[in-house]
């Protein structure tokens, strides 16, 4: 099977890129592909476990937790995390790691395809 790399740069409540990324990742995982996602810039806001939004029945954190459960690797940029006061990702859902651009370089090097959103 193939390895799908993903780069998500937007936060959860600006646009629906998080939902598109989660849907593509879920479809790939369901077909047996490997998914490796890197959260960059405001993308690091997506897996915060204390999210609330009155009009959303399913929060971004829930979709990303389901991806991790299915075997996706999700890494958030540490510089981006700390620059936004997210304290090394301590408020992230379980399974999301904080890393750096070398992790993204590895994803690019190993991916059969790369999707940026």
Protein backbone atom coordinates (compact mmCIF):
# COMPACT_ATOMS: atom_id res chain seq x y z
CA UNK A 1 0.00 0.00 0.00
CA UNK A 2 0.97 3.65 -0.36
CA UNK A 3 2.03 6.27 2.15
CA UNK A 4 0.04 9.51 2.05
CA UNK A 5 1.73 12.63 3.43
CA UNK A 6 -0.42 15.56 4.45
CA UNK A 7 0.36 19.16 5.43
CA UNK A 8 -2.39 21.11 7.19
CA UNK A 9 -1.70 24.81 7.74
CA UNK A 10 -5.09 26.26 8.72
CA UNK A 11 -6.88 26.25 12.05
CA UNK A 12 -10.19 24.55 12.70
CA UNK A 13 -12.58 27.49 12.66
CA UNK A 14 -11.30 29.57 9.74
CA UNK A 15 -12.10 27.24 6.86
CA UNK A 16 -13.11 23.59 6.57
CA UNK A 17 -9.67 22.39 5.48
CA UNK A 18 -9.44 20.33 8.67
CA UNK A 19 -12.57 18.43 7.66
CA UNK A 20 -11.28 17.84 4.13
CA UNK A 21 -7.94 16.63 5.51
CA UNK A 22 -9.67 14.31 7.98
CA UNK A 23 -11.98 12.90 5.29
CA UNK A 24 -9.13 12.23 2.86
CA UNK A 25 -7.02 10.66 5.63
CA UNK A 26 -9.90 8.49 6.78
CA UNK A 27 -10.59 7.26 3.25
CA UNK A 28 -6.90 6.43 2.76
CA UNK A 29 -6.71 4.56 6.07
CA UNK A 30 -9.89 2.63 5.24
CA UNK A 31 -8.21 1.44 2.03
CA UNK A 32 -5.16 0.26 3.95
CA UNK A 33 -2.81 3.14 3.16
CA UNK A 34 -0.48 4.74 5.69
CA UNK A 35 -1.24 8.36 6.61
CA UNK A 36 1.34 10.76 8.04
CA UNK A 37 0.10 14.30 8.74
CA UNK A 38 2.11 17.37 9.71
CA UNK A 39 0.34 20.32 11.36
CA UNK A 40 2.01 23.63 10.59
CA UNK A 41 1.26 27.31 11.31
CA UNK A 42 -2.36 27.57 12.55
CA UNK A 43 -2.89 23.90 11.73
CA UNK A 44 -1.53 23.19 15.20
CA UNK A 45 -4.85 24.37 16.68
CA UNK A 46 -6.77 21.37 15.30
CA UNK A 47 -6.07 18.64 17.90
CA UNK A 48 -6.65 20.66 21.10
CA UNK A 49 -8.72 18.43 23.39
CA UNK A 50 -10.74 21.23 25.04
CA UNK A 51 -12.34 22.59 21.85
CA UNK A 52 -15.94 23.73 21.84
CA UNK A 53 -18.01 25.36 19.14
CA UNK A 54 -21.80 25.67 19.46
CA UNK A 55 -22.74 24.83 15.86
CA UNK A 56 -20.51 21.79 15.29
CA UNK A 57 -21.73 18.37 16.33
CA UNK A 58 -18.33 16.80 15.59
CA UNK A 59 -15.27 18.75 16.64
CA UNK A 60 -11.94 18.68 14.78
CA UNK A 61 -10.31 17.03 17.81
CA UNK A 62 -12.76 14.13 17.52
CA UNK A 63 -11.97 13.53 13.86
CA UNK A 64 -8.23 13.67 14.53
CA UNK A 65 -8.57 11.30 17.51
CA UNK A 66 -10.36 8.82 15.24
CA UNK A 67 -7.52 9.09 12.72
CA UNK A 68 -4.94 8.35 15.41
CA UNK A 69 -7.02 5.35 16.52
CA UNK A 70 -6.99 4.05 12.94
CA UNK A 71 -3.20 4.33 12.83
CA UNK A 72 -2.48 7.77 11.38
CA UNK A 73 0.65 9.56 12.52
CA UNK A 74 0.00 13.20 13.38
CA UNK A 75 2.89 15.52 14.22
CA UNK A 76 2.56 19.20 15.12
CA UNK A 77 5.36 21.69 14.46
CA UNK A 78 6.96 22.46 17.83
CA UNK A 79 7.97 26.01 16.91
CA UNK A 80 4.40 26.73 15.78
CA UNK A 81 2.97 25.12 18.91
CA UNK A 82 5.15 27.14 21.28
CA UNK A 83 4.74 30.40 19.32
CA UNK A 84 0.97 30.10 19.83
CA UNK A 85 1.24 29.46 23.58
CA UNK A 86 0.19 25.82 23.35
CA UNK A 87 2.86 24.77 25.87
CA UNK A 88 4.52 21.94 23.96
CA UNK A 89 1.14 20.44 23.04
CA UNK A 90 0.17 19.44 26.59
CA UNK A 91 -3.50 20.07 25.74
CA UNK A 92 -3.51 17.86 22.66
CA UNK A 93 -5.54 14.72 22.26
CA UNK A 94 -3.66 11.50 22.93
CA UNK A 95 -1.46 10.30 20.10
CA UNK A 96 -0.52 13.66 18.57
CA UNK A 97 3.21 14.26 18.78
CA UNK A 98 5.09 17.55 18.76
CA UNK A 99 8.07 17.53 16.43
CA UNK A 100 9.79 19.74 13.93
CA UNK A 101 10.55 20.40 10.31
CA UNK A 102 12.91 17.40 10.14
CA UNK A 103 9.81 15.26 10.79
CA UNK A 104 8.04 16.96 7.90
CA UNK A 105 11.09 16.41 5.70
CA UNK A 106 10.93 12.72 6.57
CA UNK A 107 7.23 12.62 5.69
CA UNK A 108 7.97 14.22 2.32
CA UNK A 109 10.81 11.80 1.66
CA UNK A 110 8.74 8.71 2.43
CA UNK A 111 5.35 9.74 1.00
CA UNK A 112 4.11 8.41 -2.30
CA UNK A 113 1.88 11.49 -2.51
CA UNK A 114 1.69 14.76 -0.57
CA UNK A 115 -1.49 16.77 -0.05
CA UNK A 116 -1.32 20.33 1.29
CA UNK A 117 -4.35 22.08 2.73
